[in-house]
Every structure is written in structure tokens, then in C-alpha cells.
PDB file of N, CA and C in Angstrom:
ATOM      1  N   MET A   1      -1.061  67.285 -38.455  1.00  0.00           N
ATOM      2  CA  MET A   1      -0.265  66.713 -37.118  1.00  0.00           C
ATOM      3  C   MET A   1      -1.436  66.957 -36.085  1.00  0.00           C
ATOM      4  N   VAL A   2      -1.058  66.205 -35.082  1.00  0.00           N
ATOM      5  CA  VAL A   2      -2.216  66.478 -33.922  1.00  0.00           C
ATOM      6  C   VAL A   2      -1.421  66.988 -32.663  1.00  0.00           C
ATOM      7  N   TYR A   3      -1.936  67.742 -31.907  1.00  0.00           N
ATOM      8  CA  TYR A   3      -1.627  67.898 -30.528  1.00  0.00           C
ATOM      9  C   TYR A   3      -2.452  67.209 -29.688  1.00  0.00           C
ATOM     10  N   ARG A   4      -2.075  66.317 -28.791  1.00  0.00           N
ATOM     11  CA  ARG A   4      -2.821  65.782 -27.871  1.00  0.00           C
ATOM     12  C   ARG A   4      -2.835  66.693 -26.520  1.00  0.00           C
ATOM     13  N   THR A   5      -4.265  66.765 -25.786  1.00  0.00           N
ATOM     14  CA  THR A   5      -4.328  67.895 -24.780  1.00  0.00           C
ATOM     15  C   THR A   5      -5.024  66.467 -23.592  1.00  0.00           C
ATOM     16  N   ARG A   6      -5.680  66.999 -22.500  1.00  0.00           N
ATOM     17  CA  ARG A   6      -5.849  66.024 -21.595  1.00  0.00           C
ATOM     18  C   ARG A   6      -6.660  64.936 -22.160  1.00  0.00           C
ATOM     19  N   ASP A   7      -7.664  65.399 -22.550  1.00  0.00           N
ATOM     20  CA  ASP A   7      -7.970  64.099 -23.104  1.00  0.00           C
ATOM     21  C   ASP A   7      -8.937  64.241 -24.431  1.00  0.00           C
ATOM     22  N   LYS A   8      -8.428  65.245 -25.096  1.00  0.00           N
ATOM     23  CA  LYS A   8      -8.877  65.620 -26.363  1.00  0.00           C
ATOM     24  C   LYS A   8      -7.809  65.992 -27.551  1.00  0.00           C
ATOM     25  N   VAL A   9      -7.852  66.296 -28.549  1.00  0.00           N
ATOM     26  CA  VAL A   9      -6.937  66.613 -29.346  1.00  0.00           C
ATOM     27  C   VAL A   9      -7.318  67.857 -30.002  1.00  0.00           C
ATOM     28  N   ILE A  10      -6.199  68.617 -30.753  1.00  0.00           N
ATOM     29  CA  ILE A  10      -6.110  69.702 -31.480  1.00  0.00           C
ATOM     30  C   ILE A  10      -5.438  69.135 -32.836  1.00  0.00           C
ATOM     31  N   PRO A  11      -6.351  69.128 -33.978  1.00  0.00           N
ATOM     32  CA  PRO A  11      -5.667  68.930 -35.258  1.00  0.00           C
ATOM     33  C   PRO A  11      -5.216  70.001 -36.049  1.00  0.00           C
ATOM     34  N   VAL A  12      -4.270  69.933 -36.769  1.00  0.00           N
ATOM     35  CA  VAL A  12      -3.556  71.105 -37.473  1.00  0.00           C
ATOM     36  C   VAL A  12      -3.201  70.896 -38.787  1.00  0.00           C
ATOM     37  N   ILE A  13      -3.523  71.370 -39.584  1.00  0.00           N
ATOM     38  CA  ILE A  13      -3.179  71.191 -40.972  1.00  0.00           C
ATOM     39  C   ILE A  13      -2.254  72.270 -41.088  1.00  0.00           C
ATOM     40  N   CYS A  14      -0.995  71.600 -41.953  1.00  0.00           N
ATOM     41  CA  CYS A  14      -0.045  72.882 -42.759  1.00  0.00           C
ATOM     42  C   CYS A  14       0.874  71.896 -43.930  1.00  0.00           C
ATOM     43  N   ASP A  15       0.855  73.093 -45.072  1.00  0.00           N
ATOM     44  CA  ASP A  15       1.559  72.247 -46.340  1.00  0.00           C
ATOM     45  C   ASP A  15       3.091  72.963 -46.235  1.00  0.00           C
ATOM     46  N   GLU A  16       3.315  73.768 -45.298  1.00  0.00           N
ATOM     47  CA  GLU A  16       4.678  74.187 -44.985  1.00  0.00           C
ATOM     48  C   GLU A  16       4.870  75.358 -46.215  1.00  0.00           C
ATOM     49  N   LYS A  17       3.750  75.810 -46.803  1.00  0.00           N
ATOM     50  CA  LYS A  17       4.014  76.627 -47.671  1.00  0.00           C
ATOM     51  C   LYS A  17       3.003  77.948 -47.743  1.00  0.00           C
ATOM     52  N   GLN A  18       2.150  77.672 -47.727  1.00  0.00           N
ATOM     53  CA  GLN A  18       0.769  78.726 -47.674  1.00  0.00           C
ATOM     54  C   GLN A  18      -0.349  78.281 -46.605  1.00  0.00           C
ATOM     55  N   ILE A  19      -0.709  77.065 -46.346  1.00  0.00           N
ATOM     56  CA  ILE A  19      -1.692  76.579 -45.367  1.00  0.00           C
ATOM     57  C   ILE A  19      -1.033  76.317 -44.260  1.00  0.00           C
ATOM     58  N   PHE A  20      -1.705  76.923 -43.171  1.00  0.00           N
ATOM     59  CA  PHE A  20      -1.412  76.703 -41.693  1.00  0.00           C
ATOM     60  C   PHE A  20      -2.387  76.946 -40.775  1.00  0.00           C
ATOM     61  N   THR A  21      -3.237  75.900 -40.160  1.00  0.00           N
ATOM     62  CA  THR A  21      -4.417  76.302 -39.380  1.00  0.00           C
ATOM     63  C   THR A  21      -4.867  75.092 -38.496  1.00  0.00           C
ATOM     64  N   CYS A  22      -5.554  75.581 -37.482  1.00  0.00           N
ATOM     65  CA  CYS A  22      -6.259  74.496 -36.438  1.00  0.00           C
ATOM     66  C   CYS A  22      -7.462  73.957 -37.662  1.00  0.00           C
ATOM     67  N   ASP A  23      -7.574  72.850 -37.793  1.00  0.00           N
ATOM     68  CA  ASP A  23      -8.918  72.373 -38.338  1.00  0.00           C
ATOM     69  C   ASP A  23      -9.685  71.401 -37.919  1.00  0.00           C
ATOM     70  N   ASP A  24     -10.761  71.678 -37.252  1.00  0.00           N
ATOM     71  CA  ASP A  24     -11.551  70.739 -36.720  1.00  0.00           C
ATOM     72  C   ASP A  24     -12.227  69.902 -37.379  1.00  0.00           C
ATOM     73  N   SER A  25     -12.295  70.115 -38.940  1.00  0.00           N
ATOM     74  CA  SER A  25     -13.374  69.717 -39.686  1.00  0.00           C
ATOM     75  C   SER A  25     -12.810  68.081 -40.009  1.00  0.00           C
ATOM     76  N   THR A  26     -11.450  68.003 -39.527  1.00  0.00           N
ATOM     77  CA  THR A  26     -10.619  66.428 -39.807  1.00  0.00           C
ATOM     78  C   THR A  26     -11.254  65.293 -38.734  1.00  0.00           C
ATOM     79  N   VAL A  27     -11.715  65.646 -37.847  1.00  0.00           N
ATOM     80  CA  VAL A  27     -12.015  64.752 -36.882  1.00  0.00           C
ATOM     81  C   VAL A  27     -13.305  64.915 -36.325  1.00  0.00           C
ATOM     82  N   ASP A  28     -14.096  63.982 -35.364  1.00  0.00           N
ATOM     83  CA  ASP A  28     -15.316  64.245 -35.118  1.00  0.00           C
ATOM     84  C   ASP A  28     -15.330  65.422 -34.005  1.00  0.00           C
ATOM     85  N   ASN A  29     -15.843  66.131 -33.848  1.00  0.00           N
ATOM     86  CA  ASN A  29     -16.063  67.408 -33.217  1.00  0.00           C
ATOM     87  C   ASN A  29     -15.986  67.400 -31.748  1.00  0.00           C
ATOM     88  N   GLY A  30     -16.665  66.231 -31.310  1.00  0.00           N
ATOM     89  CA  GLY A  30     -16.746  65.624 -29.763  1.00  0.00           C
ATOM     90  C   GLY A  30     -15.231  65.384 -29.176  1.00  0.00           C
ATOM     91  N   ILE A  31     -14.077  65.190 -30.005  1.00  0.00           N
ATOM     92  CA  ILE A  31     -12.653  65.018 -29.313  1.00  0.00           C
ATOM     93  C   ILE A  31     -12.020  66.307 -29.537  1.00  0.00           C
ATOM     94  N   VAL A  32     -12.401  67.354 -30.194  1.00  0.00           N
ATOM     95  CA  VAL A  32     -11.678  68.685 -30.326  1.00  0.00           C
ATOM     96  C   VAL A  32     -11.810  69.214 -28.947  1.00  0.00           C
ATOM     97  N   ASP A  33     -10.266  69.860 -28.627  1.00  0.00           N
ATOM     98  CA  ASP A  33     -10.136  70.667 -27.577  1.00  0.00           C
ATOM     99  C   ASP A  33     -10.371  71.968 -28.131  1.00  0.00           C
ATOM    100  N   TRP A  34     -11.511  72.503 -28.066  1.00  0.00           N
ATOM    101  CA  TRP A  34     -11.613  73.936 -28.476  1.00  0.00           C
ATOM    102  C   TRP A  34     -10.886  75.027 -27.985  1.00  0.00           C
ATOM    103  N   ASP A  35     -10.887  75.249 -26.263  1.00  0.00           N
ATOM    104  CA  ASP A  35     -10.434  76.160 -26.088  1.00  0.00           C
ATOM    105  C   ASP A  35      -8.708  76.356 -26.232  1.00  0.00           C
ATOM    106  N   ALA A  36      -8.162  74.888 -26.228  1.00  0.00           N
ATOM    107  CA  ALA A  36      -6.801  75.365 -26.654  1.00  0.00           C
ATOM    108  C   ALA A  36      -6.380  75.203 -28.077  1.00  0.00           C
ATOM    109  N   GLY A  37      -7.749  74.778 -28.750  1.00  0.00           N
ATOM    110  CA  GLY A  37      -7.162  74.737 -30.123  1.00  0.00           C
ATOM    111  C   GLY A  37      -7.625  76.534 -30.666  1.00  0.00           C
ATOM    112  N   ASN A  38      -8.459  77.257 -30.180  1.00  0.00           N
ATOM    113  CA  ASN A  38      -8.542  78.460 -30.055  1.00  0.00           C
ATOM    114  C   ASN A  38      -7.144  79.479 -29.839  1.00  0.00           C
ATOM    115  N   LYS A  39      -6.630  78.909 -28.700  1.00  0.00           N
ATOM    116  CA  LYS A  39      -5.473  79.639 -28.406  1.00  0.00           C
ATOM    117  C   LYS A  39      -4.190  79.385 -29.501  1.00  0.00           C
ATOM    118  N   LEU A  40      -3.839  78.242 -29.761  1.00  0.00           N
ATOM    119  CA  LEU A  40      -3.033  77.983 -30.784  1.00  0.00           C
ATOM    120  C   LEU A  40      -3.533  78.570 -31.982  1.00  0.00           C
ATOM    121  N   GLN A  41      -4.553  78.367 -32.534  1.00  0.00           N
ATOM    122  CA  GLN A  41      -5.065  79.453 -33.883  1.00  0.00           C
ATOM    123  C   GLN A  41      -4.755  81.011 -33.382  1.00  0.00           C
ATOM    124  N   ASP A  42      -4.972  81.427 -32.343  1.00  0.00           N
ATOM    125  CA  ASP A  42      -4.746  82.682 -32.088  1.00  0.00           C
ATOM    126  C   ASP A  42      -2.969  82.913 -32.272  1.00  0.00           C
ATOM    127  N   LEU A  43      -2.157  81.942 -31.848  1.00  0.00           N
ATOM    128  CA  LEU A  43      -1.023  82.039 -32.033  1.00  0.00           C
ATOM    129  C   LEU A  43      -0.676  81.801 -33.721  1.00  0.00           C
ATOM    130  N   ILE A  44      -1.193  80.871 -34.417  1.00  0.00           N
ATOM    131  CA  ILE A  44      -1.051  81.067 -35.863  1.00  0.00           C
ATOM    132  C   ILE A  44      -1.348  82.403 -36.609  1.00  0.00           C
ATOM    133  N   ILE A  45      -2.896  83.071 -36.020  1.00  0.00           N
ATOM    134  CA  ILE A  45      -3.051  84.130 -36.516  1.00  0.00           C
ATOM    135  C   ILE A  45      -1.978  85.393 -36.619  1.00  0.00           C
ATOM    136  N   ASP A  46      -1.204  85.481 -35.092  1.00  0.00           N
ATOM    137  CA  ASP A  46      -0.582  86.561 -34.499  1.00  0.00           C
ATOM    138  C   ASP A  46       0.664  86.223 -35.611  1.00  0.00           C
ATOM    139  N   CYS A  47       1.325  84.822 -35.663  1.00  0.00           N
ATOM    140  CA  CYS A  47       2.449  85.083 -36.660  1.00  0.00           C
ATOM    141  C   CYS A  47       2.206  85.564 -38.266  1.00  0.00           C
ATOM    142  N   ALA A  48       1.085  85.182 -38.626  1.00  0.00           N
ATOM    143  CA  ALA A  48       0.515  85.564 -39.995  1.00  0.00           C
ATOM    144  C   ALA A  48       0.545  87.168 -40.022  1.00  0.00           C
ATOM    145  N   ASP A  49      -0.006  88.004 -38.890  1.00  0.00           N
ATOM    146  CA  ASP A  49      -0.059  89.173 -38.724  1.00  0.00           C
ATOM    147  C   ASP A  49       1.269  90.115 -38.616  1.00  0.00           C
ATOM    148  N   ASN A  50       2.534  89.274 -38.200  1.00  0.00           N
ATOM    149  CA  ASN A  50       3.711  89.536 -38.014  1.00  0.00           C
ATOM    150  C   ASN A  50       4.358  89.272 -39.491  1.00  0.00           C
ATOM    151  N   ASP A  51       3.616  88.805 -40.207  1.00  0.00           N
ATOM    152  CA  ASP A  51       4.484  88.563 -41.858  1.00  0.00           C
ATOM    153  C   ASP A  51       5.468  87.390 -41.800  1.00  0.00           C
ATOM    154  N   LEU A  52       5.315  86.447 -40.887  1.00  0.00           N
ATOM    155  CA  LEU A  52       5.918  85.263 -40.530  1.00  0.00           C
ATOM    156  C   LEU A  52       5.694  84.429 -41.779  1.00  0.00           C
ATOM    157  N   THR A  53       6.722  83.905 -42.503  1.00  0.00           N
ATOM    158  CA  THR A  53       6.251  82.725 -43.419  1.00  0.00           C
ATOM    159  C   THR A  53       5.628  81.392 -42.669  1.00  0.00           C
ATOM    160  N   VAL A  54       5.139  80.393 -43.269  1.00  0.00           N
ATOM    161  CA  VAL A  54       4.370  79.476 -42.836  1.00  0.00           C
ATOM    162  C   VAL A  54       5.750  78.679 -42.081  1.00  0.00           C
ATOM    163  N   ALA A  55       6.917  78.514 -42.678  1.00  0.00           N
ATOM    164  CA  ALA A  55       7.938  77.788 -42.012  1.00  0.00           C
ATOM    165  C   ALA A  55       8.307  78.418 -40.583  1.00  0.00           C
ATOM    166  N   GLN A  56       8.532  79.785 -40.818  1.00  0.00           N
ATOM    167  CA  GLN A  56       8.650  80.614 -39.472  1.00  0.00           C
ATOM    168  C   GLN A  56       8.153  80.264 -38.451  1.00  0.00           C
ATOM    169  N   ALA A  57       6.530  80.520 -38.669  1.00  0.00           N
ATOM    170  CA  ALA A  57       5.243  80.227 -37.720  1.00  0.00           C
ATOM    171  C   ALA A  57       5.259  78.806 -37.067  1.00  0.00           C
ATOM    172  N   LEU A  58       5.573  77.989 -38.394  1.00  0.00           N
ATOM    173  CA  LEU A  58       5.774  76.405 -37.621  1.00  0.00           C
ATOM    174  C   LEU A  58       6.510  76.134 -36.762  1.00  0.00           C
ATOM    175  N   ALA A  59       7.776  77.148 -36.797  1.00  0.00           N
ATOM    176  CA  ALA A  59       8.963  77.137 -35.649  1.00  0.00           C
ATOM    177  C   ALA A  59       8.228  77.622 -34.287  1.00  0.00           C
ATOM    178  N   VAL A  60       7.656  78.847 -34.703  1.00  0.00           N
ATOM    179  CA  VAL A  60       7.193  79.471 -33.223  1.00  0.00           C
ATOM    180  C   VAL A  60       5.928  78.526 -32.600  1.00  0.00           C
ATOM    181  N   VAL A  61       5.525  77.938 -33.221  1.00  0.00           N
ATOM    182  CA  VAL A  61       4.498  77.045 -32.694  1.00  0.00           C
ATOM    183  C   VAL A  61       4.989  75.712 -32.328  1.00  0.00           C
ATOM    184  N   ARG A  62       6.008  75.319 -32.439  1.00  0.00           N
ATOM    185  CA  ARG A  62       7.027  74.169 -32.274  1.00  0.00           C
ATOM    186  C   ARG A  62       7.642  74.575 -30.958  1.00  0.00           C
ATOM    187  N   GLU A  63       8.220  75.940 -31.044  1.00  0.00           N
ATOM    188  CA  GLU A  63       8.756  76.253 -29.872  1.00  0.00           C
ATOM    189  C   GLU A  63       7.553  76.792 -28.819  1.00  0.00           C
ATOM    190  N   LYS A  64       6.418  76.933 -29.020  1.00  0.00           N
ATOM    191  CA  LYS A  64       5.649  77.253 -27.685  1.00  0.00           C
ATOM    192  C   LYS A  64       4.822  76.135 -27.204  1.00  0.00           C
ATOM    193  N   TRP A  65       4.430  75.183 -28.406  1.00  0.00           N
ATOM    194  CA  TRP A  65       3.751  73.877 -27.664  1.00  0.00           C
ATOM    195  C   TRP A  65       4.472  72.706 -27.753  1.00  0.00           C
ATOM    196  N   GLY A  66       5.778  72.706 -28.280  1.00  0.00           N
ATOM    197  CA  GLY A  66       6.476  71.593 -28.484  1.00  0.00           C
ATOM    198  C   GLY A  66       6.223  71.228 -29.677  1.00  0.00           C
ATOM    199  N   GLN A  67       6.709  69.550 -29.881  1.00  0.00           N
ATOM    200  CA  GLN A  67       6.386  68.793 -30.899  1.00  0.00           C
ATOM    201  C   GLN A  67       5.051  68.214 -31.076  1.00  0.00           C
ATOM    202  N   PRO A  68       4.369  67.787 -32.014  1.00  0.00           N
ATOM    203  CA  PRO A  68       3.351  67.451 -32.091  1.00  0.00           C
ATOM    204  C   PRO A  68       3.202  65.981 -31.723  1.00  0.00           C
ATOM    205  N   ASP A  69       2.065  65.560 -31.154  1.00  0.00           N
ATOM    206  CA  ASP A  69       2.169  63.966 -30.647  1.00  0.00           C
ATOM    207  C   ASP A  69       1.936  63.324 -31.798  1.00  0.00           C
ATOM    208  N   ILE A  70       1.295  63.654 -32.788  1.00  0.00           N
ATOM    209  CA  ILE A  70       1.433  62.782 -34.198  1.00  0.00           C
ATOM    210  C   ILE A  70       1.414  63.557 -35.344  1.00  0.00           C
ATOM    211  N   GLU A  71       2.648  63.015 -36.154  1.00  0.00           N
ATOM    212  CA  GLU A  71       2.678  63.878 -37.407  1.00  0.00           C
ATOM    213  C   GLU A  71       2.674  62.939 -38.416  1.00  0.00           C
ATOM    214  N   LEU A  72       2.047  63.271 -39.525  1.00  0.00           N
ATOM    215  CA  LEU A  72       2.381  62.548 -40.666  1.00  0.00           C
ATOM    216  C   LEU A  72       1.867  63.420 -41.989  1.00  0.00           C
ATOM    217  N   ARG A  73       2.337  62.788 -42.965  1.00  0.00           N
ATOM    218  CA  ARG A  73       2.312  63.195 -44.171  1.00  0.00           C
ATOM    219  C   ARG A  73       0.892  62.965 -44.694  1.00  0.00           C
ATOM    220  N   VAL A  74       0.413  63.822 -45.911  1.00  0.00           N
ATOM    221  CA  VAL A  74      -0.462  63.563 -46.627  1.00  0.00           C
ATOM    222  C   VAL A  74      -0.355  64.130 -48.049  1.00  0.00           C
ATOM    223  N   ASP A  75      -0.641  63.974 -49.221  1.00  0.00           N
ATOM    224  CA  ASP A  75      -0.875  64.223 -50.157  1.00  0.00           C
ATOM    225  C   ASP A  75      -1.132  65.806 -50.549  1.00  0.00           C
ATOM    226  N   ASP A  76      -2.336  65.993 -50.047  1.00  0.00           N
ATOM    227  CA  ASP A  76      -3.086  67.253 -49.814  1.00  0.00           C
ATOM    228  C   ASP A  76      -3.737  67.248 -48.538  1.00  0.00           C
ATOM    229  N   VAL A  77      -3.485  68.614 -47.915  1.00  0.00           N
ATOM    230  CA  VAL A  77      -4.057  69.279 -46.943  1.00  0.00           C
ATOM    231  C   VAL A  77      -5.270  69.030 -46.746  1.00  0.00           C
ATOM    232  N   ASN A  78      -6.022  69.560 -47.880  1.00  0.00           N
ATOM    233  CA  ASN A  78      -7.493  69.863 -47.779  1.00  0.00           C
ATOM    234  C   ASN A  78      -8.368  68.471 -47.693  1.00  0.00           C
ATOM    235  N   THR A  79      -7.678  67.262 -48.008  1.00  0.00           N
ATOM    236  CA  THR A  79      -8.376  65.930 -48.059  1.00  0.00           C
ATOM    237  C   THR A  79      -7.422  64.851 -46.689  1.00  0.00           C
ATOM    238  N   ALA A  80      -6.719  65.661 -45.620  1.00  0.00           N
ATOM    239  CA  ALA A  80      -6.338  65.194 -44.710  1.00  0.00           C
ATOM    240  C   ALA A  80      -7.055  64.428 -43.776  1.00  0.00           C
ATOM    241  N   GLY A  81      -8.604  64.786 -43.617  1.00  0.00           N
ATOM    242  CA  GLY A  81      -9.207  64.257 -42.654  1.00  0.00           C
ATOM    243  C   GLY A  81      -9.376  62.349 -42.391  1.00  0.00           C
ATOM    244  N   PRO A  82      -9.407  61.923 -43.520  1.00  0.00           N
ATOM    245  CA  PRO A  82      -9.439  60.212 -42.969  1.00  0.00           C
ATOM    246  C   PRO A  82      -7.890  59.760 -42.778  1.00  0.00           C
ATOM    247  N   ALA A  83      -6.682  60.400 -42.916  1.00  0.00           N
ATOM    248  CA  ALA A  83      -5.519  60.183 -42.421  1.00  0.00           C
ATOM    249  C   ALA A  83      -5.235  60.494 -41.218  1.00  0.00           C
ATOM    250  N   ILE A  84      -5.764  61.696 -40.514  1.00  0.00           N
ATOM    251  CA  ILE A  84      -5.821  62.111 -39.275  1.00  0.00           C
ATOM    252  C   ILE A  84      -6.825  61.292 -38.339  1.00  0.00           C
ATOM    253  N   ARG A  85      -7.784  60.940 -38.773  1.00  0.00           N
ATOM    254  CA  ARG A  85      -8.857  59.969 -38.245  1.00  0.00           C
ATOM    255  C   ARG A  85      -8.171  58.611 -38.107  1.00  0.00           C
ATOM    256  N   ALA A  86      -7.462  58.190 -38.780  1.00  0.00           N
ATOM    257  CA  ALA A  86      -7.156  56.876 -38.822  1.00  0.00           C
ATOM    258  C   ALA A  86      -5.699  57.034 -38.113  1.00  0.00           C
ATOM    259  N   ALA A  87      -5.083  57.696 -37.855  1.00  0.00           N
ATOM    260  CA  ALA A  87      -3.985  58.190 -36.884  1.00  0.00           C
ATOM    261  C   ALA A  87      -4.664  58.125 -35.653  1.00  0.00           C
ATOM    262  N   LEU A  88      -5.414  58.431 -35.181  1.00  0.00           N
ATOM    263  CA  LEU A  88      -6.195  58.647 -34.093  1.00  0.00           C
ATOM    264  C   LEU A  88      -6.782  57.626 -33.831  1.00  0.00           C
ATOM    265  N   GLY A  89      -6.832  56.164 -34.436  1.00  0.00           N
ATOM    266  CA  GLY A  89      -7.482  55.314 -34.428  1.00  0.00           C
ATOM    267  C   GLY A  89      -9.137  55.168 -34.266  1.00  0.00           C
ATOM    268  N   MET A  90      -9.461  56.110 -35.399  1.00  0.00           N
ATOM    269  CA  MET A  90     -10.949  56.741 -35.544  1.00  0.00           C
ATOM    270  C   MET A  90     -11.612  55.618 -36.690  1.00  0.00           C
ATOM    271  N   GLY A  91     -10.730  55.347 -37.519  1.00  0.00           N
ATOM    272  CA  GLY A  91     -11.056  54.925 -38.948  1.00  0.00           C
ATOM    273  C   GLY A  91     -11.108  55.939 -39.917  1.00  0.00           C
ATOM    274  N   THR A  92     -11.374  55.650 -41.260  1.00  0.00           N
ATOM    275  CA  THR A  92     -11.470  56.743 -41.797  1.00  0.00           C
ATOM    276  C   THR A  92     -12.793  57.091 -42.548  1.00  0.00           C
ATOM    277  N   ALA A  93     -13.847  56.847 -41.663  1.00  0.00           N
ATOM    278  CA  ALA A  93     -15.199  57.263 -42.313  1.00  0.00           C
ATOM    279  C   ALA A  93     -15.563  58.670 -41.506  1.00  0.00           C
TER     280      ALA A  93
END
């Protein structure tokens, strides 16, 4: 999923089971909003520190940050980069 900020994006990967993190490796670092992404990552870490499940943490993030601007399903979150880049209109390379 991707949150859009003013002129950049925050890519987030989540398998709804074990993995939930901001992930800048999926897109060109030049369009990643590092400040907002770090704040979102801090919220995710706080959820983990409070023993929330991924599903509970996802609910907290959606409550605080709203629905993502782009939400897509991929077979493997570890290889989500091409799908996220394509959804952003960046191609798959």
C-alpha cells in the first residue's frame, strides 16, 4: 500500500500476518517522503512494542493515517517493488 504526501509517497508493505513496515526499497528513493515515513514507521514500532498483532497495528495505522491512497495485493511482500512502482506509474524496472 502507498500513502501519498504532498509531493512524495510512503510505501508500506504488510502481509497481514507477520510483516508490517515502511519499505523504501520498493520505489525510487527520490520520491519517498522520509520524514513522514519515519513517523509512520515509529507508529508501527510502537504497535509492535505494545504487542499488537499485525491486524491490530494495521487498524491503528488506518485510524491515525486514514486509508492508503493506493492499496494492492501481491503474492509476496518481499517482491512487491515492481507492483508498487507500476501502481505509481513508474514502470516495473
